Amino acid sequence: KEAVVVPDGALVTLGFDGSRLWDATALVGTVVETGYQWPLGIWQRPRDVELWEVPVAEVDAAIIGAFERYTVWRLYADPPYWETWIATWAGRYGAERVVEWFTARPKAMAYALRSFAGAIARAELEHCALTDPLCALFSAHIGNAVRRVTGYHDDAGELWTVEKDAMGSSDKIDCVPAAALSWEARNDAIAAGA
C-alpha cells in the first residue's frame, strides 16, 4: 500500500512509552478523524551494544516537531523514567494536553489494549505502510508482544495486557503500549467532541 502523509495541522493524539536505559522508547501518533496510526519515533538499543541510553534530545525534538507540525489534542505518556521530561512537556504545552498515563495499571491497560486490538480487528485503525523502515520496526514491536492474562474478568471475558516473550528479551514491544495510549487518547478526543 502507499504511504500516507499526515497533513500539517491535522488533529492528532500521541502515545509515549519506554525506558531510558538498555531498552526502547516509542512515540506513536493517531489521526483523530481517520484512525490512521504511525510512529513518530522509535529509539531502541542496537543488539550489539551493551550499554546504551535513549537519546533524550532526539525524543524531545520529536515531541517538539509533533506539537509544531500537528494539532495535538492530547499526549498520553507513561511516566516511569521520563517524569522530568513529561513535566517539561506539560509545562511547555499545557497539563491538559500532556497527561501522565501509567501503563502499570493492569486493569486500565487491559481495557486500553482491548480497545486497540478491537479497532485493528474491525479495521477502524490503519497502520503505516511496511515499506517505511520505521513502520516495519513498529510492526515488529507489535508482532513481538505476547498476551499476559491479568486475572481480571468482565462481561466480555478475561482481560489481558502484553509483555515480552521472556524476561530480558531483546525483542522490543514498546510501540504496543505507545500505540494503545495514542488510540485511547483518540477515543477520549472523540468522546470530548474534538
Protein backbone atom coordinates (compact mmCIF):
# COMPACT_ATOMS: atom_id res chain seq x y z
CA LYS A 1 0.00 0.00 0.00
CA GLU A 2 1.07 3.59 -0.46
CA ALA A 3 2.48 5.66 2.37
CA VAL A 4 0.04 8.08 3.99
CA VAL A 5 1.19 11.64 4.54
CA VAL A 6 -0.42 13.19 7.59
CA PRO A 7 -1.10 16.83 6.64
CA ASP A 8 0.29 19.70 8.65
CA GLY A 9 -2.22 20.92 11.20
CA ALA A 10 -4.08 17.59 11.41
CA LEU A 11 -5.77 16.87 14.73
CA VAL A 12 -3.79 14.02 16.27
CA THR A 13 -3.24 12.23 19.54
CA LEU A 14 0.07 10.84 20.75
CA GLY A 15 1.12 7.89 22.89
CA PHE A 16 4.52 7.61 24.56
CA ASP A 17 6.08 4.64 26.33
CA GLY A 18 9.53 3.44 27.07
CA SER A 19 12.60 3.16 29.17
CA ARG A 20 15.73 5.27 29.26
CA LEU A 21 18.46 2.62 29.54
CA TRP A 22 19.15 -0.64 27.68
CA ASP A 23 15.68 -0.93 26.15
CA ALA A 24 13.42 1.09 23.83
CA THR A 25 11.11 4.10 23.73
CA ALA A 26 8.33 4.84 21.24
CA LEU A 27 6.21 7.83 20.25
CA VAL A 28 3.11 6.94 18.21
CA GLY A 29 0.55 9.26 16.62
CA THR A 30 -3.06 8.70 15.60
CA VAL A 31 -5.10 10.96 13.32
CA VAL A 32 -8.36 11.64 15.17
CA GLU A 33 -10.52 11.89 12.04
CA THR A 34 -9.37 8.74 10.23
CA GLY A 35 -7.78 6.46 12.84
CA TYR A 36 -4.52 6.32 10.85
CA GLN A 37 -1.64 5.47 13.16
CA TRP A 38 2.11 5.82 12.67
CA PRO A 39 5.34 6.00 14.68
CA LEU A 40 6.91 9.43 15.04
CA GLY A 41 9.95 7.90 16.64
CA ILE A 42 11.30 4.59 17.90
CA TRP A 43 14.57 4.54 19.79
CA GLN A 44 15.94 1.15 20.77
CA ARG A 45 19.23 -0.31 21.87
CA PRO A 46 21.12 -1.89 19.00
CA ARG A 47 21.57 -5.64 19.53
CA ASP A 48 25.37 -5.44 19.51
CA VAL A 49 25.63 -2.59 22.06
CA GLU A 50 25.80 -3.42 25.77
CA LEU A 51 25.50 -0.02 27.47
CA TRP A 52 23.05 2.32 25.79
CA GLU A 53 20.72 5.17 26.67
CA VAL A 54 17.80 6.56 24.68
CA PRO A 55 18.95 9.83 23.03
CA VAL A 56 16.81 12.20 25.08
CA ALA A 57 17.48 15.20 22.83
CA GLU A 58 16.09 13.25 19.84
CA VAL A 59 12.97 12.29 21.79
CA ASP A 60 12.44 15.89 22.86
CA ALA A 61 12.95 17.05 19.27
CA ALA A 62 10.32 14.55 18.08
CA ILE A 63 7.84 15.87 20.68
CA ILE A 64 8.59 19.46 19.67
CA GLY A 65 8.20 18.54 16.00
CA ALA A 66 4.85 16.85 16.61
CA PHE A 67 3.42 19.80 18.53
CA GLU A 68 4.72 22.27 15.93
CA ARG A 69 3.52 20.34 12.89
CA TYR A 70 0.18 18.93 14.07
CA THR A 71 -2.67 19.99 16.31
CA VAL A 72 -2.00 17.66 19.22
CA TRP A 73 -5.20 17.18 21.20
CA ARG A 74 -3.52 15.05 23.84
CA LEU A 75 -0.30 13.16 24.57
CA TYR A 76 -0.71 10.22 26.96
CA ALA A 77 2.71 9.35 28.34
CA ASP A 78 3.80 6.53 30.63
CA PRO A 79 5.91 8.37 33.23
CA PRO A 80 8.45 5.89 34.67
CA TYR A 81 11.99 7.06 33.81
CA TRP A 82 10.58 10.11 31.96
CA GLU A 83 8.93 12.03 34.82
CA THR A 84 11.02 15.19 34.45
CA TRP A 85 10.61 15.26 30.67
CA ILE A 86 6.87 14.70 30.86
CA ALA A 87 6.68 17.56 33.36
CA THR A 88 8.75 19.66 30.93
CA TRP A 89 6.39 18.87 28.04
CA ALA A 90 3.35 19.60 30.23
CA GLY A 91 4.90 22.93 31.18
CA ARG A 92 5.63 23.67 27.53
CA TYR A 93 2.29 22.59 26.01
CA GLY A 94 -0.11 22.55 28.96
CA ALA A 95 -1.04 19.94 31.54
CA GLU A 96 -4.39 19.39 29.78
CA ARG A 97 -2.54 18.32 26.61
CA VAL A 98 0.31 16.30 28.15
CA VAL A 99 -1.09 13.74 30.58
CA GLU A 100 0.62 11.04 32.63
CA TRP A 101 -0.99 7.68 31.85
CA PHE A 102 0.51 4.84 33.88
CA THR A 103 0.63 1.60 31.88
CA ALA A 104 1.46 -0.39 35.05
CA ARG A 105 -2.24 -0.38 36.00
CA PRO A 106 -3.24 -3.84 34.74
CA LYS A 107 -6.99 -3.30 34.54
CA ALA A 108 -6.82 0.14 32.88
CA MET A 109 -4.13 -1.03 30.47
CA ALA A 110 -6.10 -4.18 29.65
CA TYR A 111 -9.10 -2.08 28.64
CA ALA A 112 -6.91 0.21 26.53
CA LEU A 113 -5.32 -2.79 24.80
CA ARG A 114 -8.72 -4.40 24.22
CA SER A 115 -9.94 -1.21 22.54
CA PHE A 116 -6.75 -1.04 20.44
CA ALA A 117 -6.94 -4.71 19.39
CA GLY A 118 -10.66 -4.41 18.65
CA ALA A 119 -10.07 -1.38 16.45
CA ILE A 120 -7.48 -3.36 14.47
CA ALA A 121 -9.85 -6.32 14.13
CA ARG A 122 -12.72 -4.09 12.95
CA ALA A 123 -10.42 -2.18 10.54
CA GLU A 124 -11.16 1.09 12.35
CA LEU A 125 -7.44 1.63 12.73
CA GLU A 126 -4.99 1.75 9.82
CA HIS A 127 -1.26 1.44 10.37
CA CYS A 128 1.50 2.91 8.24
CA ALA A 129 2.98 1.07 5.25
CA LEU A 130 5.60 -1.59 5.98
CA THR A 131 7.74 -0.23 3.15
CA ASP A 132 8.84 2.51 5.56
CA PRO A 133 11.66 1.16 7.80
CA LEU A 134 10.27 2.89 10.89
CA CYS A 135 6.86 1.35 10.20
CA ALA A 136 8.45 -2.07 9.75
CA LEU A 137 10.07 -1.68 13.18
CA PHE A 138 6.70 -0.57 14.59
CA SER A 139 5.11 -3.71 13.15
CA ALA A 140 7.89 -5.87 14.60
CA HIS A 141 7.18 -4.49 18.08
CA ILE A 142 3.50 -5.42 17.67
CA GLY A 143 4.47 -8.90 16.47
CA ASN A 144 6.81 -9.37 19.45
CA ALA A 145 4.13 -8.70 22.06
CA VAL A 146 2.75 -11.67 23.97
CA ARG A 147 -0.54 -11.58 25.82
CA ARG A 148 -0.44 -11.92 29.60
CA VAL A 149 -3.68 -12.63 31.45
CA THR A 150 -4.35 -10.26 34.32
CA GLY A 151 -6.73 -12.30 36.46
CA TYR A 152 -9.43 -9.70 35.84
CA HIS A 153 -12.65 -10.57 34.04
CA ASP A 154 -15.67 -8.65 32.83
CA ASP A 155 -18.79 -9.48 30.84
CA ALA A 156 -16.72 -9.85 27.67
CA GLY A 157 -14.26 -12.29 29.22
CA GLU A 158 -10.71 -12.37 30.50
CA LEU A 159 -8.64 -9.18 30.47
CA TRP A 160 -5.03 -9.23 29.28
CA THR A 161 -2.04 -6.97 28.90
CA VAL A 162 1.13 -7.51 26.87
CA GLU A 163 4.71 -8.34 27.71
CA LYS A 164 7.92 -9.54 26.07
CA ASP A 165 8.22 -13.22 25.22
CA ALA A 166 10.80 -13.64 28.02
CA MET A 167 12.39 -11.55 30.76
CA GLY A 168 15.37 -9.71 29.30
CA SER A 169 14.37 -10.49 25.72
CA SER A 170 15.95 -8.31 23.04
CA ASP A 171 12.62 -8.35 21.14
CA LYS A 172 11.09 -4.95 21.90
CA ILE A 173 7.36 -4.21 22.36
CA ASP A 174 7.32 -0.55 23.46
CA CYS A 175 5.33 0.51 20.38
CA VAL A 176 2.36 -1.54 21.60
CA PRO A 177 1.63 0.43 24.77
CA ALA A 178 2.51 3.68 22.97
CA ALA A 179 0.05 2.83 20.18
CA ALA A 180 -2.64 1.77 22.68
CA LEU A 181 -2.20 5.06 24.57
CA SER A 182 -2.45 7.03 21.34
CA TRP A 183 -5.63 5.14 20.45
CA GLU A 184 -7.03 5.68 23.96
CA ALA A 185 -6.36 9.41 23.59
CA ARG A 186 -8.15 9.35 20.20
CA ASN A 187 -11.20 7.74 21.78
CA ASP A 188 -11.16 10.39 24.50
CA ALA A 189 -10.86 13.12 21.86
CA ILE A 190 -13.91 11.78 20.03
CA ALA A 191 -15.87 11.48 23.29
CA ALA A 192 -14.98 15.09 24.09
CA GLY A 193 -16.26 16.24 20.71
CA ALA A 194 -12.82 17.18 19.38
